[in-house]
Structure formats: C-alpha cells, structure tokens
Amino acid sequence: MERAIGTFELISVARGVATVDAMLKAANVKLFHASPICPGKYLIVVWGQVGAVKNALNAGKQVAEEMLTDEMLLPNVHPSVFPALACTTEVGDMGALGVVEALAAPCIIEAADAAAKAAKVVLIEIRLGRGMGAKSFFSMGGDISEVKTALTVAKELVASKGLLVDTSFIPNPHPDLKGAVL
C-alpha cells in the first residue's frame, strides 16, 4: 500500500487552522501534525494514499492562498520516516551519527526520506520547527559509509533549495551521546 505525506507551511495561524479543516474534509487523509511553529508560522502534515493526499493539498491551497509559504507532496514514503517523525525509532549500535539542519520543515522530511532511500541508515528523529526558531532537523545512524552516503544526498537536496543550515557527521559517537541525542 503506497503511502504519501503532504505538508503545508503557512505564515498565518488563523489561516492554517482553516486550511487543515478544509484538507481533512476534502479527502480521506490522517492528520499527523497541525500546530504553530516558530516564528509565527503554522505547519500541517497529513498522510494517506497518494491520491487522497493530493486532493487534500489541492483543497488546502484554495483556503491557504497567499499565506502558503512552502508545500510538499512526498509519494512512496520510506517506512522509517513515520517512526522518526513520531520519535519512536528503536536504535541499536551506530558506527556513525549524521544530522541535517534546515530552515524549513517540509524539506527536512523530504531530505530524511531521500537519505533513507539512498543508504542503509536508521532515521532516528525528524524534528519539525517547534521551539527551534523555525529550523528543523533530522538525525540518522548506521555504518560509517552508509551515513556518509545518506548525509551527502540529504545535504545536496536541502542545499539545492537554499535552506541548508548545517550538517554533522560523527564517526564512532561516544556512548553518552546516544542518550543525549535519542
């Protein structure tokens, strides 16, 4: 069963609430996230079948109009994206840790998905713009070469959108770091 994620980022909380209502009424999608994020933006994340997510995004655009600042439709989402968004990933030993930080939430989901598809890594967490001055990040772990490959793919994707803040590659992370990061 193919799953998709759709995201909207708006510059109005009031319009964001109206937009998410229209999206949920227009299509059979599940609401993953809808709330204000820094600085005064509103983030909406829905998921479901590709066609339903497309319909929800189209309905949302009609309401969001000029308040919409960023959007994304991500079909065929890698299965590890959902637990990383929910911070429920079980993580074992890691040869390396990689972190990608961006200025927008939608592109960080897309980058995490691309990283997981490009290499055998575990997506640890995808944090979306709340309490971080509008920045978002994701972290991943795995073998050194796999994390390097995934980090390169994600970095290029976010940089191509002009939204890259920074990345980190940490080979053989200290055991105490695992507890602090996870």
C-alpha atoms as a PDB file:
ATOM      1  CA  MET A   1       0.000   0.000   0.000  1.00  0.00           C
ATOM      2  CA  GLU A   2       1.652   3.215  -1.161  1.00  0.00           C
ATOM      3  CA  ARG A   3       1.720   5.996   1.409  1.00  0.00           C
ATOM      4  CA  ALA A   4       2.309   9.674   0.892  1.00  0.00           C
ATOM      5  CA  ILE A   5       2.977  12.654   3.124  1.00  0.00           C
ATOM      6  CA  GLY A   6       1.744  16.138   2.351  1.00  0.00           C
ATOM      7  CA  THR A   7       2.897  19.266   4.163  1.00  0.00           C
ATOM      8  CA  PHE A   8       1.952  22.912   4.180  1.00  0.00           C
ATOM      9  CA  GLU A   9       3.738  25.747   5.928  1.00  0.00           C
ATOM     10  CA  LEU A  10       1.750  28.967   6.264  1.00  0.00           C
ATOM     11  CA  ILE A  11       2.565  32.406   7.663  1.00  0.00           C
ATOM     12  CA  SER A  12      -0.806  32.682   9.405  1.00  0.00           C
ATOM     13  CA  VAL A  13      -2.016  30.569  12.309  1.00  0.00           C
ATOM     14  CA  ALA A  14      -5.655  31.537  11.692  1.00  0.00           C
ATOM     15  CA  ARG A  15      -5.466  30.569   8.019  1.00  0.00           C
ATOM     16  CA  GLY A  16      -3.579  27.421   8.968  1.00  0.00           C
ATOM     17  CA  VAL A  17      -6.429  26.205  11.165  1.00  0.00           C
ATOM     18  CA  ALA A  18      -8.964  26.873   8.394  1.00  0.00           C
ATOM     19  CA  THR A  19      -6.690  25.178   5.856  1.00  0.00           C
ATOM     20  CA  VAL A  20      -6.257  21.969   7.837  1.00  0.00           C
ATOM     21  CA  ASP A  21     -10.023  21.766   8.343  1.00  0.00           C
ATOM     22  CA  ALA A  22     -10.588  22.044   4.584  1.00  0.00           C
ATOM     23  CA  MET A  23      -7.934  19.414   3.889  1.00  0.00           C
ATOM     24  CA  LEU A  24      -9.443  16.909   6.306  1.00  0.00           C
ATOM     25  CA  LYS A  25     -12.958  17.463   4.963  1.00  0.00           C
ATOM     26  CA  ALA A  26     -11.849  17.100   1.325  1.00  0.00           C
ATOM     27  CA  ALA A  27     -10.014  13.781   1.473  1.00  0.00           C
ATOM     28  CA  ASN A  28      -9.553  10.605   3.462  1.00  0.00           C
ATOM     29  CA  VAL A  29      -6.193  11.519   4.999  1.00  0.00           C
ATOM     30  CA  LYS A  30      -4.810  11.192   8.510  1.00  0.00           C
ATOM     31  CA  LEU A  31      -3.628  14.255  10.364  1.00  0.00           C
ATOM     32  CA  PHE A  32      -0.136  13.768  11.733  1.00  0.00           C
ATOM     33  CA  HIS A  33       0.627  17.322  12.824  1.00  0.00           C
ATOM     34  CA  ALA A  34      -1.091  20.709  12.807  1.00  0.00           C
ATOM     35  CA  SER A  35       0.169  23.465  15.080  1.00  0.00           C
ATOM     36  CA  PRO A  36       2.004  26.767  15.253  1.00  0.00           C
ATOM     37  CA  ILE A  37       5.771  26.659  14.847  1.00  0.00           C
ATOM     38  CA  CYS A  38       8.377  29.382  15.245  1.00  0.00           C
ATOM     39  CA  PRO A  39       8.301  32.223  14.192  1.00  0.00           C
ATOM     40  CA  GLY A  40       4.523  32.570  13.949  1.00  0.00           C
ATOM     41  CA  LYS A  41       4.058  30.008  11.189  1.00  0.00           C
ATOM     42  CA  TYR A  42       1.621  27.102  11.021  1.00  0.00           C
ATOM     43  CA  LEU A  43       2.694  23.623   9.955  1.00  0.00           C
ATOM     44  CA  ILE A  44       0.348  20.941   8.622  1.00  0.00           C
ATOM     45  CA  VAL A  45       1.409  17.339   7.957  1.00  0.00           C
ATOM     46  CA  VAL A  46      -1.076  14.793   6.590  1.00  0.00           C
ATOM     47  CA  TRP A  47      -0.575  11.275   5.265  1.00  0.00           C
ATOM     48  CA  GLY A  48      -2.505   8.647   3.369  1.00  0.00           C
ATOM     49  CA  GLN A  49      -2.862   7.254  -0.117  1.00  0.00           C
ATOM     50  CA  VAL A  50      -1.224   9.392  -2.806  1.00  0.00           C
ATOM     51  CA  GLY A  51      -4.490  10.423  -4.474  1.00  0.00           C
ATOM     52  CA  ALA A  52      -6.093  11.375  -1.178  1.00  0.00           C
ATOM     53  CA  VAL A  53      -3.084  13.444  -0.112  1.00  0.00           C
ATOM     54  CA  LYS A  54      -3.098  15.236  -3.492  1.00  0.00           C
ATOM     55  CA  ASN A  55      -6.798  16.033  -3.048  1.00  0.00           C
ATOM     56  CA  ALA A  56      -6.205  17.321   0.474  1.00  0.00           C
ATOM     57  CA  LEU A  57      -3.361  19.567  -0.701  1.00  0.00           C
ATOM     58  CA  ASN A  58      -5.465  20.933  -3.562  1.00  0.00           C
ATOM     59  CA  ALA A  59      -8.327  21.733  -1.184  1.00  0.00           C
ATOM     60  CA  GLY A  60      -5.906  23.309   1.265  1.00  0.00           C
ATOM     61  CA  LYS A  61      -4.418  25.575  -1.396  1.00  0.00           C
ATOM     62  CA  GLN A  62      -7.855  27.058  -2.042  1.00  0.00           C
ATOM     63  CA  VAL A  63      -8.025  28.207   1.577  1.00  0.00           C
ATOM     64  CA  ALA A  64      -4.353  28.963   2.254  1.00  0.00           C
ATOM     65  CA  GLU A  65      -3.918  31.164  -0.832  1.00  0.00           C
ATOM     66  CA  GLU A  66      -1.251  33.852  -0.302  1.00  0.00           C
ATOM     67  CA  MET A  67      -0.474  32.646   3.242  1.00  0.00           C
ATOM     68  CA  LEU A  68       1.126  29.432   1.919  1.00  0.00           C
ATOM     69  CA  THR A  69       4.925  29.689   2.061  1.00  0.00           C
ATOM     70  CA  ASP A  70       6.014  26.102   1.448  1.00  0.00           C
ATOM     71  CA  GLU A  71       4.436  22.809   0.457  1.00  0.00           C
ATOM     72  CA  MET A  72       5.468  19.270  -0.319  1.00  0.00           C
ATOM     73  CA  LEU A  73       3.923  16.083  -1.636  1.00  0.00           C
ATOM     74  CA  LEU A  74       6.080  13.054  -0.962  1.00  0.00           C
ATOM     75  CA  PRO A  75       4.733   9.851  -2.547  1.00  0.00           C
ATOM     76  CA  ASN A  76       6.051   6.390  -1.704  1.00  0.00           C
ATOM     77  CA  VAL A  77       7.461   7.450   1.657  1.00  0.00           C
ATOM     78  CA  HIS A  78      10.236   5.287   3.107  1.00  0.00           C
ATOM     79  CA  PRO A  79       8.758   3.286   6.020  1.00  0.00           C
ATOM     80  CA  SER A  80      11.297   4.650   8.516  1.00  0.00           C
ATOM     81  CA  VAL A  81      10.038   8.233   8.092  1.00  0.00           C
ATOM     82  CA  PHE A  82       6.890   7.696  10.172  1.00  0.00           C
ATOM     83  CA  PRO A  83       8.594   6.362  13.336  1.00  0.00           C
ATOM     84  CA  ALA A  84      11.250   9.095  13.065  1.00  0.00           C
ATOM     85  CA  LEU A  85       8.530  11.758  12.911  1.00  0.00           C
ATOM     86  CA  ALA A  86       6.886  10.197  15.972  1.00  0.00           C
ATOM     87  CA  CYS A  87      10.271   9.767  17.754  1.00  0.00           C
ATOM     88  CA  THR A  88       9.605   6.060  18.278  1.00  0.00           C
ATOM     89  CA  THR A  89      12.594   4.606  16.435  1.00  0.00           C
ATOM     90  CA  GLU A  90      14.487   1.842  18.223  1.00  0.00           C
ATOM     91  CA  VAL A  91      18.204   2.460  17.763  1.00  0.00           C
ATOM     92  CA  GLY A  92      20.975  -0.049  18.332  1.00  0.00           C
ATOM     93  CA  ASP A  93      24.712   0.405  17.996  1.00  0.00           C
ATOM     94  CA  MET A  94      25.792   3.025  15.482  1.00  0.00           C
ATOM     95  CA  GLY A  95      29.061   3.277  13.638  1.00  0.00           C
ATOM     96  CA  ALA A  96      28.223   6.887  12.833  1.00  0.00           C
ATOM     97  CA  LEU A  97      25.671   9.598  13.505  1.00  0.00           C
ATOM     98  CA  GLY A  98      24.543  12.149  10.920  1.00  0.00           C
ATOM     99  CA  VAL A  99      22.461  15.296  11.454  1.00  0.00           C
ATOM    100  CA  VAL A 100      20.972  17.621   8.827  1.00  0.00           C
ATOM    101  CA  GLU A 101      19.529  21.008   9.842  1.00  0.00           C
ATOM    102  CA  ALA A 102      17.333  23.172   7.606  1.00  0.00           C
ATOM    103  CA  LEU A 103      15.356  26.400   7.654  1.00  0.00           C
ATOM    104  CA  ALA A 104      12.038  24.738   6.726  1.00  0.00           C
ATOM    105  CA  ALA A 105      10.081  21.733   7.921  1.00  0.00           C
ATOM    106  CA  PRO A 106       8.770  20.338   4.612  1.00  0.00           C
ATOM    107  CA  CYS A 107      12.216  19.984   3.068  1.00  0.00           C
ATOM    108  CA  ILE A 108      13.636  18.180   6.110  1.00  0.00           C
ATOM    109  CA  ILE A 109      11.024  15.425   5.735  1.00  0.00           C
ATOM    110  CA  GLU A 110      11.911  15.153   2.057  1.00  0.00           C
ATOM    111  CA  ALA A 111      15.639  15.043   2.874  1.00  0.00           C
ATOM    112  CA  ALA A 112      15.180  12.340   5.519  1.00  0.00           C
ATOM    113  CA  ASP A 113      13.179  10.245   3.058  1.00  0.00           C
ATOM    114  CA  ALA A 114      15.870  10.670   0.384  1.00  0.00           C
ATOM    115  CA  ALA A 115      18.603   9.724   2.868  1.00  0.00           C
ATOM    116  CA  ALA A 116      16.779   6.552   3.923  1.00  0.00           C
ATOM    117  CA  LYS A 117      16.235   5.567   0.287  1.00  0.00           C
ATOM    118  CA  ALA A 118      19.859   6.265  -0.688  1.00  0.00           C
ATOM    119  CA  ALA A 119      21.598   4.238   2.015  1.00  0.00           C
ATOM    120  CA  LYS A 120      21.020   1.703   4.746  1.00  0.00           C
ATOM    121  CA  VAL A 121      20.567   4.081   7.673  1.00  0.00           C
ATOM    122  CA  VAL A 122      18.181   4.296  10.594  1.00  0.00           C
ATOM    123  CA  LEU A 123      16.247   7.551  10.776  1.00  0.00           C
ATOM    124  CA  ILE A 124      16.342   8.395  14.475  1.00  0.00           C
ATOM    125  CA  GLU A 125      14.330  11.588  14.732  1.00  0.00           C
ATOM    126  CA  ILE A 126      12.737  14.179  12.475  1.00  0.00           C
ATOM    127  CA  ARG A 127      12.069  17.369  14.452  1.00  0.00           C
ATOM    128  CA  LEU A 128       9.820  19.924  12.790  1.00  0.00           C
ATOM    129  CA  GLY A 129      10.400  23.589  13.617  1.00  0.00           C
ATOM    130  CA  ARG A 130       8.880  23.784  17.066  1.00  0.00           C
ATOM    131  CA  GLY A 131      10.947  25.644  19.650  1.00  0.00           C
ATOM    132  CA  MET A 132      13.905  25.939  17.292  1.00  0.00           C
ATOM    133  CA  GLY A 133      13.475  29.346  15.698  1.00  0.00           C
ATOM    134  CA  ALA A 134      11.756  27.833  12.635  1.00  0.00           C
ATOM    135  CA  LYS A 135      14.582  25.405  11.960  1.00  0.00           C
ATOM    136  CA  SER A 136      14.051  21.665  11.568  1.00  0.00           C
ATOM    137  CA  PHE A 137      16.457  18.744  11.641  1.00  0.00           C
ATOM    138  CA  PHE A 138      16.728  15.019  11.320  1.00  0.00           C
ATOM    139  CA  SER A 139      19.249  12.565  12.705  1.00  0.00           C
ATOM    140  CA  MET A 140      20.276   9.156  11.431  1.00  0.00           C
ATOM    141  CA  GLY A 141      22.626   6.377  12.381  1.00  0.00           C
ATOM    142  CA  GLY A 142      24.290   3.411  10.760  1.00  0.00           C
ATOM    143  CA  ASP A 143      27.583   2.199   9.370  1.00  0.00           C
ATOM    144  CA  ILE A 144      30.098   4.938   8.601  1.00  0.00           C
ATOM    145  CA  SER A 145      29.956   4.600   4.811  1.00  0.00           C
ATOM    146  CA  GLU A 146      26.147   4.408   4.777  1.00  0.00           C
ATOM    147  CA  VAL A 147      25.734   7.524   6.920  1.00  0.00           C
ATOM    148  CA  LYS A 148      28.241   9.397   4.718  1.00  0.00           C
ATOM    149  CA  THR A 149      26.258   8.477   1.594  1.00  0.00           C
ATOM    150  CA  ALA A 150      22.908   9.398   3.149  1.00  0.00           C
ATOM    151  CA  LEU A 151      24.284  12.663   4.538  1.00  0.00           C
ATOM    152  CA  THR A 152      25.601  13.691   1.118  1.00  0.00           C
ATOM    153  CA  VAL A 153      22.232  13.023  -0.544  1.00  0.00           C
ATOM    154  CA  ALA A 154      20.268  14.901   2.123  1.00  0.00           C
ATOM    155  CA  LYS A 155      22.703  17.828   2.215  1.00  0.00           C
ATOM    156  CA  GLU A 156      22.556  18.280  -1.570  1.00  0.00           C
ATOM    157  CA  LEU A 157      18.751  18.193  -1.568  1.00  0.00           C
ATOM    158  CA  VAL A 158      18.356  20.797   1.191  1.00  0.00           C
ATOM    159  CA  ALA A 159      21.162  22.995  -0.199  1.00  0.00           C
ATOM    160  CA  SER A 160      19.536  22.973  -3.655  1.00  0.00           C
ATOM    161  CA  LYS A 161      16.515  24.666  -2.064  1.00  0.00           C
ATOM    162  CA  GLY A 162      18.693  27.274  -0.340  1.00  0.00           C
ATOM    163  CA  LEU A 163      17.531  26.052   3.080  1.00  0.00           C
ATOM    164  CA  LEU A 164      20.600  24.292   4.493  1.00  0.00           C
ATOM    165  CA  VAL A 165      21.763  25.473   7.923  1.00  0.00           C
ATOM    166  CA  ASP A 166      24.398  22.845   8.712  1.00  0.00           C
ATOM    167  CA  THR A 167      25.232  19.141   8.831  1.00  0.00           C
ATOM    168  CA  SER A 168      27.250  16.961  11.189  1.00  0.00           C
ATOM    169  CA  PHE A 169      28.959  13.643  10.596  1.00  0.00           C
ATOM    170  CA  ILE A 170      30.142  11.931  13.772  1.00  0.00           C
ATOM    171  CA  PRO A 171      32.018   8.647  13.325  1.00  0.00           C
ATOM    172  CA  ASN A 172      32.017   6.329  16.345  1.00  0.00           C
ATOM    173  CA  PRO A 173      29.846   8.561  18.555  1.00  0.00           C
ATOM    174  CA  HIS A 174      30.612   8.460  22.270  1.00  0.00           C
ATOM    175  CA  PRO A 175      28.185   6.129  24.104  1.00  0.00           C
ATOM    176  CA  ASP A 176      26.893   9.010  26.252  1.00  0.00           C
ATOM    177  CA  LEU A 177      25.969  10.947  23.116  1.00  0.00           C
ATOM    178  CA  LYS A 178      23.425   8.293  22.180  1.00  0.00           C
ATOM    179  CA  GLY A 179      21.445   9.005  25.345  1.00  0.00           C
ATOM    180  CA  ALA A 180      21.583  12.750  24.780  1.00  0.00           C
ATOM    181  CA  VAL A 181      20.577  12.657  21.124  1.00  0.00           C
ATOM    182  CA  LEU A 182      17.941   9.948  21.208  1.00  0.00           C
END
